[in-house]
Amino acid sequence: MTQLGLPEPVRACLFDLDGVLTRTAVVHAAAWKQMFDAFLSERDGARYRPFEQSDYDTYVDGRPRADGVRAFLESRGIELPEGGPDDPPEAQTVHGLGNRKNVLVLAAIKRDGVEPYPGSVRYLRAVRAAGLRTAVVSSSANCRDVLVSAGIEDLFDVRIDGVVAVERRLPGKPKPDTFLAAAADLGVAAAHCAVYEDALAGMDAGRSGHFGYVVGVDRVGQGAELTAHGADTVVTDLADLLGPGPAGGGERTGDAR
């Protein structure tokens, strides 16, 4: 293993955004809950069953917005018209609910700003210093704005996000297509790429895409689930991957468990 905590053949690193690089996963989770709880309360009245963290982890986290809406509604036996991407947030459609959630996320980001995880920035800089190529791979259509707000846009050679996925008609996670597109844009074979994800859907994408190494980032205590979904190693912070020496600063912790 190198001092980046990677097998020697790895030549490129493909990073998810929310929860891996920036503290926006909790913002997304809160927005999903607020949106779905309001929808379910209006639909079912006082006896509605709230949207839980387990719903977010299983049906929504890491997926493109409309896919997350569909998966959760299906889990509750709820059918809505599909609608279209331009549906207003008040529309009772799949896309309308997704856009309603996005309004909440954008308001929170505008109000509170975006912070990157310091350990992630440290790791990114070490990866770049070692000469590895880097890409950010996110289902978010707001990815570029988040990168700019967090001050880390310049640390990536390639960006494959929700906007690019729509333009190229790439299916989202848990399919591996967005990660594979990032690898292709970097000119590096999947077998020589490492994937960094905090979502179970992202783990599934890394595994099915046959990437060289898959790192699970456990911010919420789901290390066992990340491992079960294909992580080669699990860490609580990307800086945990850095070995002793100029790029590191301590022993590596957080191997798969």
C-alpha atoms as a PDB file:
ATOM      1  CA  MET A   1       0.000   0.000   0.000  1.00  0.00           C
ATOM      2  CA  THR A   2       1.182   3.527  -0.755  1.00  0.00           C
ATOM      3  CA  GLN A   3       1.275   6.388   1.739  1.00  0.00           C
ATOM      4  CA  LEU A   4      -2.116   7.368   0.357  1.00  0.00           C
ATOM      5  CA  GLY A   5      -3.537   4.080   1.644  1.00  0.00           C
ATOM      6  CA  LEU A   6      -3.975   2.747  -1.902  1.00  0.00           C
ATOM      7  CA  PRO A   7      -2.686  -0.234  -3.870  1.00  0.00           C
ATOM      8  CA  GLU A   8       0.275   0.603  -6.114  1.00  0.00           C
ATOM      9  CA  PRO A   9      -1.625   0.272  -9.452  1.00  0.00           C
ATOM     10  CA  VAL A  10      -4.080   3.107  -8.598  1.00  0.00           C
ATOM     11  CA  ARG A  11      -3.492   6.119 -10.842  1.00  0.00           C
ATOM     12  CA  ALA A  12      -6.686   8.137 -10.307  1.00  0.00           C
ATOM     13  CA  CYS A  13      -9.073   8.944  -7.459  1.00  0.00           C
ATOM     14  CA  LEU A  14     -12.820   9.417  -7.972  1.00  0.00           C
ATOM     15  CA  PHE A  15     -14.544  11.230  -5.097  1.00  0.00           C
ATOM     16  CA  ASP A  16     -18.195  11.546  -4.208  1.00  0.00           C
ATOM     17  CA  LEU A  17     -19.069  15.047  -2.974  1.00  0.00           C
ATOM     18  CA  ASP A  18     -21.663  15.176  -0.190  1.00  0.00           C
ATOM     19  CA  GLY A  19     -20.430  13.515   2.979  1.00  0.00           C
ATOM     20  CA  VAL A  20     -17.031  12.639   1.486  1.00  0.00           C
ATOM     21  CA  LEU A  21     -15.604  16.061   0.627  1.00  0.00           C
ATOM     22  CA  THR A  22     -18.124  18.514   2.074  1.00  0.00           C
ATOM     23  CA  ARG A  23     -20.425  18.666   5.089  1.00  0.00           C
ATOM     24  CA  THR A  24     -23.491  18.809   2.847  1.00  0.00           C
ATOM     25  CA  ALA A  25     -24.786  15.265   3.357  1.00  0.00           C
ATOM     26  CA  VAL A  26     -26.514  16.317   6.575  1.00  0.00           C
ATOM     27  CA  VAL A  27     -28.037  19.283   4.734  1.00  0.00           C
ATOM     28  CA  HIS A  28     -29.441  16.963   2.063  1.00  0.00           C
ATOM     29  CA  ALA A  29     -30.744  14.483   4.644  1.00  0.00           C
ATOM     30  CA  ALA A  30     -32.526  17.251   6.562  1.00  0.00           C
ATOM     31  CA  ALA A  31     -34.068  18.634   3.359  1.00  0.00           C
ATOM     32  CA  TRP A  32     -35.313  15.210   2.282  1.00  0.00           C
ATOM     33  CA  LYS A  33     -36.920  14.678   5.701  1.00  0.00           C
ATOM     34  CA  GLN A  34     -38.538  18.098   5.747  1.00  0.00           C
ATOM     35  CA  MET A  35     -39.939  17.652   2.255  1.00  0.00           C
ATOM     36  CA  PHE A  36     -41.179  14.075   2.666  1.00  0.00           C
ATOM     37  CA  ASP A  37     -42.620  14.632   6.152  1.00  0.00           C
ATOM     38  CA  ALA A  38     -44.631  17.596   4.866  1.00  0.00           C
ATOM     39  CA  PHE A  39     -45.823  15.571   1.865  1.00  0.00           C
ATOM     40  CA  LEU A  40     -46.749  12.526   3.953  1.00  0.00           C
ATOM     41  CA  SER A  41     -48.468  14.634   6.612  1.00  0.00           C
ATOM     42  CA  GLU A  42     -50.578  16.380   3.984  1.00  0.00           C
ATOM     43  CA  ARG A  43     -51.403  13.060   2.358  1.00  0.00           C
ATOM     44  CA  ASP A  44     -52.040  10.858   5.401  1.00  0.00           C
ATOM     45  CA  GLY A  45     -52.891  13.313   8.159  1.00  0.00           C
ATOM     46  CA  ALA A  46     -51.759  13.052  11.768  1.00  0.00           C
ATOM     47  CA  ARG A  47     -51.199   9.287  11.486  1.00  0.00           C
ATOM     48  CA  TYR A  48     -48.518   9.612   8.829  1.00  0.00           C
ATOM     49  CA  ARG A  49     -45.306   7.612   9.214  1.00  0.00           C
ATOM     50  CA  PRO A  50     -42.328  10.007   9.151  1.00  0.00           C
ATOM     51  CA  PHE A  51     -39.349   9.752   6.825  1.00  0.00           C
ATOM     52  CA  GLU A  52     -36.559   8.120   8.850  1.00  0.00           C
ATOM     53  CA  GLN A  53     -32.754   8.023   8.621  1.00  0.00           C
ATOM     54  CA  SER A  54     -33.034   4.402   7.466  1.00  0.00           C
ATOM     55  CA  ASP A  55     -35.222   5.585   4.556  1.00  0.00           C
ATOM     56  CA  TYR A  56     -32.570   8.114   3.578  1.00  0.00           C
ATOM     57  CA  ASP A  57     -29.772   5.527   3.748  1.00  0.00           C
ATOM     58  CA  THR A  58     -31.693   2.874   1.801  1.00  0.00           C
ATOM     59  CA  TYR A  59     -33.675   4.754  -0.832  1.00  0.00           C
ATOM     60  CA  VAL A  60     -32.249   8.240  -1.298  1.00  0.00           C
ATOM     61  CA  ASP A  61     -28.603   8.715  -0.333  1.00  0.00           C
ATOM     62  CA  GLY A  62     -26.279   8.912  -3.337  1.00  0.00           C
ATOM     63  CA  ARG A  63     -29.009   8.582  -5.951  1.00  0.00           C
ATOM     64  CA  PRO A  64     -30.100  11.195  -8.494  1.00  0.00           C
ATOM     65  CA  ARG A  65     -32.914  13.284  -7.070  1.00  0.00           C
ATOM     66  CA  ALA A  66     -35.818  11.819  -9.056  1.00  0.00           C
ATOM     67  CA  ASP A  67     -34.552   8.259  -8.510  1.00  0.00           C
ATOM     68  CA  GLY A  68     -34.552   8.875  -4.760  1.00  0.00           C
ATOM     69  CA  VAL A  69     -38.132  10.138  -4.853  1.00  0.00           C
ATOM     70  CA  ARG A  70     -39.270   7.137  -6.871  1.00  0.00           C
ATOM     71  CA  ALA A  71     -37.508   4.604  -4.651  1.00  0.00           C
ATOM     72  CA  PHE A  72     -38.918   6.038  -1.420  1.00  0.00           C
ATOM     73  CA  LEU A  73     -42.453   6.415  -2.748  1.00  0.00           C
ATOM     74  CA  GLU A  74     -42.364   2.819  -4.006  1.00  0.00           C
ATOM     75  CA  SER A  75     -41.273   1.654  -0.548  1.00  0.00           C
ATOM     76  CA  ARG A  76     -44.445   3.230   0.870  1.00  0.00           C
ATOM     77  CA  GLY A  77     -46.698   1.979  -1.924  1.00  0.00           C
ATOM     78  CA  ILE A  78     -47.336   5.530  -3.180  1.00  0.00           C
ATOM     79  CA  GLU A  79     -47.794   6.294  -6.874  1.00  0.00           C
ATOM     80  CA  LEU A  80     -47.446   9.776  -8.331  1.00  0.00           C
ATOM     81  CA  PRO A  81     -47.279  11.051 -11.914  1.00  0.00           C
ATOM     82  CA  GLU A  82     -43.724  11.325 -13.190  1.00  0.00           C
ATOM     83  CA  GLY A  83     -43.999  14.910 -14.375  1.00  0.00           C
ATOM     84  CA  GLY A  84     -40.915  16.564 -15.821  1.00  0.00           C
ATOM     85  CA  PRO A  85     -37.661  18.195 -14.678  1.00  0.00           C
ATOM     86  CA  ASP A  86     -39.195  21.668 -14.991  1.00  0.00           C
ATOM     87  CA  ASP A  87     -42.157  20.935 -12.705  1.00  0.00           C
ATOM     88  CA  PRO A  88     -42.688  23.641 -10.053  1.00  0.00           C
ATOM     89  CA  PRO A  89     -41.901  22.622  -6.456  1.00  0.00           C
ATOM     90  CA  GLU A  90     -45.593  22.586  -5.532  1.00  0.00           C
ATOM     91  CA  ALA A  91     -46.437  19.984  -8.199  1.00  0.00           C
ATOM     92  CA  GLN A  92     -47.610  16.625  -6.849  1.00  0.00           C
ATOM     93  CA  THR A  93     -45.290  14.695  -9.150  1.00  0.00           C
ATOM     94  CA  VAL A  94     -42.024  12.810  -8.784  1.00  0.00           C
ATOM     95  CA  HIS A  95     -40.072  15.704 -10.227  1.00  0.00           C
ATOM     96  CA  GLY A  96     -42.120  18.247  -8.309  1.00  0.00           C
ATOM     97  CA  LEU A  97     -41.178  16.625  -4.990  1.00  0.00           C
ATOM     98  CA  GLY A  98     -37.542  16.439  -6.059  1.00  0.00           C
ATOM     99  CA  ASN A  99     -37.547  20.121  -6.965  1.00  0.00           C
ATOM    100  CA  ARG A 100     -39.236  20.953  -3.656  1.00  0.00           C
ATOM    101  CA  LYS A 101     -36.367  19.254  -1.840  1.00  0.00           C
ATOM    102  CA  ASN A 102     -33.832  21.131  -3.967  1.00  0.00           C
ATOM    103  CA  VAL A 103     -35.345  24.489  -3.002  1.00  0.00           C
ATOM    104  CA  LEU A 104     -34.797  23.579   0.658  1.00  0.00           C
ATOM    105  CA  VAL A 105     -31.183  22.521   0.037  1.00  0.00           C
ATOM    106  CA  LEU A 106     -30.299  25.677  -1.889  1.00  0.00           C
ATOM    107  CA  ALA A 107     -31.829  27.847   0.825  1.00  0.00           C
ATOM    108  CA  ALA A 108     -29.769  26.058   3.496  1.00  0.00           C
ATOM    109  CA  ILE A 109     -26.549  26.378   1.480  1.00  0.00           C
ATOM    110  CA  LYS A 110     -27.206  30.074   0.830  1.00  0.00           C
ATOM    111  CA  ARG A 111     -27.939  30.644   4.509  1.00  0.00           C
ATOM    112  CA  ASP A 112     -25.116  28.595   6.037  1.00  0.00           C
ATOM    113  CA  GLY A 113     -22.498  28.236   3.289  1.00  0.00           C
ATOM    114  CA  VAL A 114     -20.499  25.064   2.604  1.00  0.00           C
ATOM    115  CA  GLU A 115     -17.536  23.712   4.533  1.00  0.00           C
ATOM    116  CA  PRO A 116     -15.198  21.003   3.252  1.00  0.00           C
ATOM    117  CA  TYR A 117     -13.893  18.402   5.656  1.00  0.00           C
ATOM    118  CA  PRO A 118     -10.328  19.498   6.549  1.00  0.00           C
ATOM    119  CA  GLY A 119      -9.113  15.881   6.387  1.00  0.00           C
ATOM    120  CA  SER A 120     -10.556  15.534   2.897  1.00  0.00           C
ATOM    121  CA  VAL A 121      -8.791  18.682   1.693  1.00  0.00           C
ATOM    122  CA  ARG A 122      -5.541  17.438   3.221  1.00  0.00           C
ATOM    123  CA  TYR A 123      -5.948  14.083   1.503  1.00  0.00           C
ATOM    124  CA  LEU A 124      -6.862  15.674  -1.839  1.00  0.00           C
ATOM    125  CA  ARG A 125      -3.743  17.806  -1.767  1.00  0.00           C
ATOM    126  CA  ALA A 126      -1.621  14.755  -0.955  1.00  0.00           C
ATOM    127  CA  VAL A 127      -3.197  12.859  -3.864  1.00  0.00           C
ATOM    128  CA  ARG A 128      -2.465  15.725  -6.233  1.00  0.00           C
ATOM    129  CA  ALA A 129       1.090  16.079  -4.924  1.00  0.00           C
ATOM    130  CA  ALA A 130       1.643  12.376  -5.632  1.00  0.00           C
ATOM    131  CA  GLY A 131       0.718  12.934  -9.281  1.00  0.00           C
ATOM    132  CA  LEU A 132      -2.612  11.077  -9.288  1.00  0.00           C
ATOM    133  CA  ARG A 133      -5.527  12.367 -11.373  1.00  0.00           C
ATOM    134  CA  THR A 134      -8.712  13.408  -9.563  1.00  0.00           C
ATOM    135  CA  ALA A 135     -12.424  13.585 -10.360  1.00  0.00           C
ATOM    136  CA  VAL A 136     -15.533  14.469  -8.403  1.00  0.00           C
ATOM    137  CA  VAL A 137     -18.548  12.260  -9.142  1.00  0.00           C
ATOM    138  CA  SER A 138     -21.846  13.440  -7.699  1.00  0.00           C
ATOM    139  CA  SER A 139     -25.523  12.988  -8.426  1.00  0.00           C
ATOM    140  CA  SER A 140     -26.092  16.613  -7.380  1.00  0.00           C
ATOM    141  CA  ALA A 141     -26.987  19.193  -9.999  1.00  0.00           C
ATOM    142  CA  ASN A 142     -25.536  21.781  -7.606  1.00  0.00           C
ATOM    143  CA  CYS A 143     -22.093  20.161  -7.505  1.00  0.00           C
ATOM    144  CA  ARG A 144     -20.117  22.977  -9.126  1.00  0.00           C
ATOM    145  CA  ASP A 145     -21.684  25.643  -6.908  1.00  0.00           C
ATOM    146  CA  VAL A 146     -20.835  23.571  -3.828  1.00  0.00           C
ATOM    147  CA  LEU A 147     -17.230  23.076  -4.960  1.00  0.00           C
ATOM    148  CA  VAL A 148     -16.832  26.800  -5.563  1.00  0.00           C
ATOM    149  CA  SER A 149     -18.408  27.679  -2.213  1.00  0.00           C
ATOM    150  CA  ALA A 150     -16.117  25.191  -0.459  1.00  0.00           C
ATOM    151  CA  GLY A 151     -13.049  26.549  -2.293  1.00  0.00           C
ATOM    152  CA  ILE A 152     -11.957  23.182  -3.719  1.00  0.00           C
ATOM    153  CA  GLU A 153     -12.987  23.315  -7.392  1.00  0.00           C
ATOM    154  CA  ASP A 154      -9.354  23.633  -8.483  1.00  0.00           C
ATOM    155  CA  LEU A 155      -8.455  20.257  -6.940  1.00  0.00           C
ATOM    156  CA  PHE A 156     -10.241  18.251  -9.657  1.00  0.00           C
ATOM    157  CA  ASP A 157      -9.358  17.448 -13.244  1.00  0.00           C
ATOM    158  CA  VAL A 158     -12.859  16.182 -14.096  1.00  0.00           C
ATOM    159  CA  ARG A 159     -16.377  16.782 -12.780  1.00  0.00           C
ATOM    160  CA  ILE A 160     -19.214  14.349 -13.493  1.00  0.00           C
ATOM    161  CA  ASP A 161     -22.345  15.608 -11.731  1.00  0.00           C
ATOM    162  CA  GLY A 162     -26.111  15.603 -12.113  1.00  0.00           C
ATOM    163  CA  VAL A 163     -25.972  18.125 -14.935  1.00  0.00           C
ATOM    164  CA  VAL A 164     -23.392  16.151 -16.906  1.00  0.00           C
ATOM    165  CA  ALA A 165     -25.246  12.896 -16.259  1.00  0.00           C
ATOM    166  CA  VAL A 166     -28.412  14.316 -17.828  1.00  0.00           C
ATOM    167  CA  GLU A 167     -26.482  15.704 -20.798  1.00  0.00           C
ATOM    168  CA  ARG A 168     -24.796  12.337 -21.444  1.00  0.00           C
ATOM    169  CA  ARG A 169     -27.811  10.238 -20.422  1.00  0.00           C
ATOM    170  CA  LEU A 170     -25.823   8.433 -17.748  1.00  0.00           C
ATOM    171  CA  PRO A 171     -27.824   6.414 -15.221  1.00  0.00           C
ATOM    172  CA  GLY A 172     -27.041   7.386 -11.657  1.00  0.00           C
ATOM    173  CA  LYS A 173     -25.769   5.379  -8.704  1.00  0.00           C
ATOM    174  CA  PRO A 174     -26.062   2.522  -7.829  1.00  0.00           C
ATOM    175  CA  LYS A 175     -25.198   2.035 -11.519  1.00  0.00           C
ATOM    176  CA  PRO A 176     -21.454   2.601 -12.104  1.00  0.00           C
ATOM    177  CA  ASP A 177     -21.845   4.715 -15.255  1.00  0.00           C
ATOM    178  CA  THR A 178     -20.988   8.114 -13.748  1.00  0.00           C
ATOM    179  CA  PHE A 179     -17.818   6.762 -12.151  1.00  0.00           C
ATOM    180  CA  LEU A 180     -16.906   4.977 -15.379  1.00  0.00           C
ATOM    181  CA  ALA A 181     -17.410   8.222 -17.300  1.00  0.00           C
ATOM    182  CA  ALA A 182     -15.062  10.019 -14.905  1.00  0.00           C
ATOM    183  CA  ALA A 183     -12.411   7.329 -15.368  1.00  0.00           C
ATOM    184  CA  ALA A 184     -12.781   7.557 -19.156  1.00  0.00           C
ATOM    185  CA  ASP A 185     -12.487  11.361 -19.091  1.00  0.00           C
ATOM    186  CA  LEU A 186      -9.306  11.022 -17.036  1.00  0.00           C
ATOM    187  CA  GLY A 187      -7.960   8.427 -19.462  1.00  0.00           C
ATOM    188  CA  VAL A 188      -7.471   5.843 -16.711  1.00  0.00           C
ATOM    189  CA  ALA A 189      -8.881   2.298 -16.696  1.00  0.00           C
ATOM    190  CA  ALA A 190     -11.401   1.530 -13.944  1.00  0.00           C
ATOM    191  CA  ALA A 191      -9.055  -1.121 -12.556  1.00  0.00           C
ATOM    192  CA  HIS A 192      -6.528   1.641 -11.861  1.00  0.00           C
ATOM    193  CA  CYS A 193      -9.025   3.972 -10.142  1.00  0.00           C
ATOM    194  CA  ALA A 194     -10.035   4.293  -6.499  1.00  0.00           C
ATOM    195  CA  VAL A 195     -13.611   5.261  -5.588  1.00  0.00           C
ATOM    196  CA  TYR A 196     -14.433   7.196  -2.393  1.00  0.00           C
ATOM    197  CA  GLU A 197     -18.044   7.050  -1.220  1.00  0.00           C
ATOM    198  CA  ASP A 198     -20.178   7.420   1.904  1.00  0.00           C
ATOM    199  CA  ALA A 199     -23.443   6.142   0.408  1.00  0.00           C
ATOM    200  CA  LEU A 200     -24.490   2.518   0.057  1.00  0.00           C
ATOM    201  CA  ALA A 201     -25.584   3.231  -3.526  1.00  0.00           C
ATOM    202  CA  GLY A 202     -22.078   4.535  -4.200  1.00  0.00           C
ATOM    203  CA  MET A 203     -20.543   1.374  -2.753  1.00  0.00           C
ATOM    204  CA  ASP A 204     -22.700  -0.683  -5.104  1.00  0.00           C
ATOM    205  CA  ALA A 205     -21.524   1.461  -8.029  1.00  0.00           C
ATOM    206  CA  GLY A 206     -17.881   0.970  -7.074  1.00  0.00           C
ATOM    207  CA  ARG A 207     -18.285  -2.766  -6.783  1.00  0.00           C
ATOM    208  CA  SER A 208     -20.262  -3.292  -9.994  1.00  0.00           C
ATOM    209  CA  GLY A 209     -17.885  -1.050 -11.949  1.00  0.00           C
ATOM    210  CA  HIS A 210     -14.923  -3.279 -11.012  1.00  0.00           C
ATOM    211  CA  PHE A 211     -12.798  -0.383  -9.789  1.00  0.00           C
ATOM    212  CA  GLY A 212      -9.364  -1.073  -8.400  1.00  0.00           C
ATOM    213  CA  TYR A 213     -10.142   0.014  -4.832  1.00  0.00           C
ATOM    214  CA  VAL A 214     -13.266   1.239  -3.044  1.00  0.00           C
ATOM    215  CA  VAL A 215     -13.024   3.384   0.086  1.00  0.00           C
ATOM    216  CA  GLY A 216     -16.070   3.744   2.321  1.00  0.00           C
ATOM    217  CA  VAL A 217     -16.269   6.971   4.328  1.00  0.00           C
ATOM    218  CA  ASP A 218     -18.282   6.400   7.473  1.00  0.00           C
ATOM    219  CA  ARG A 219     -19.616   9.678   8.868  1.00  0.00           C
ATOM    220  CA  VAL A 220     -22.768   8.236  10.481  1.00  0.00           C
ATOM    221  CA  GLY A 221     -21.819   4.877  11.990  1.00  0.00           C
ATOM    222  CA  GLN A 222     -22.622   2.559   9.077  1.00  0.00           C
ATOM    223  CA  GLY A 223     -19.193   1.011   8.603  1.00  0.00           C
ATOM    224  CA  ALA A 224     -20.516  -2.556   8.573  1.00  0.00           C
ATOM    225  CA  GLU A 225     -23.058  -1.688   5.886  1.00  0.00           C
ATOM    226  CA  LEU A 226     -20.425   0.025   3.738  1.00  0.00           C
ATOM    227  CA  THR A 227     -18.256  -3.083   3.964  1.00  0.00           C
ATOM    228  CA  ALA A 228     -21.195  -5.343   3.120  1.00  0.00           C
ATOM    229  CA  HIS A 229     -21.862  -3.232   0.017  1.00  0.00           C
ATOM    230  CA  GLY A 230     -18.330  -3.591  -1.310  1.00  0.00           C
ATOM    231  CA  ALA A 231     -15.893  -1.285   0.483  1.00  0.00           C
ATOM    232  CA  ASP A 232     -12.309  -2.561   0.503  1.00  0.00           C
ATOM    233  CA  THR A 233     -11.616  -0.336   3.503  1.00  0.00           C
ATOM    234  CA  VAL A 234     -13.690   1.972   5.709  1.00  0.00           C
ATOM    235  CA  VAL A 235     -12.428   5.169   7.334  1.00  0.00           C
ATOM    236  CA  THR A 236     -14.106   7.901   9.329  1.00  0.00           C
ATOM    237  CA  ASP A 237     -12.024  10.596   7.635  1.00  0.00           C
ATOM    238  CA  LEU A 238      -9.968  10.561   4.450  1.00  0.00           C
ATOM    239  CA  ALA A 239      -6.892  11.754   6.360  1.00  0.00           C
ATOM    240  CA  ASP A 240      -6.974   8.364   8.126  1.00  0.00           C
ATOM    241  CA  LEU A 241      -5.646   6.896   4.876  1.00  0.00           C
ATOM    242  CA  LEU A 242      -2.448   8.921   5.020  1.00  0.00           C
ATOM    243  CA  GLY A 243       0.529   6.980   6.275  1.00  0.00           C
ATOM    244  CA  PRO A 244       3.450   8.370   8.274  1.00  0.00           C
ATOM    245  CA  GLY A 245       5.752  10.709   6.427  1.00  0.00           C
ATOM    246  CA  PRO A 246       5.538  14.077   4.668  1.00  0.00           C
ATOM    247  CA  ALA A 247       2.014  13.461   3.314  1.00  0.00           C
ATOM    248  CA  GLY A 248       0.746  11.846   6.448  1.00  0.00           C
ATOM    249  CA  GLY A 249       1.135  12.448  10.107  1.00  0.00           C
ATOM    250  CA  GLY A 250       0.239   9.289  11.924  1.00  0.00           C
ATOM    251  CA  GLU A 251      -0.757   5.696  11.700  1.00  0.00           C
ATOM    252  CA  ARG A 252      -3.535   4.779   9.340  1.00  0.00           C
ATOM    253  CA  THR A 253      -6.775   3.828  11.043  1.00  0.00           C
ATOM    254  CA  GLY A 254     -10.234   2.700  10.136  1.00  0.00           C
ATOM    255  CA  ASP A 255      -9.608  -0.396   7.993  1.00  0.00           C
ATOM    256  CA  ALA A 256     -12.643  -2.412   6.921  1.00  0.00           C
ATOM    257  CA  ARG A 257     -14.694  -3.810   9.727  1.00  0.00           C
END
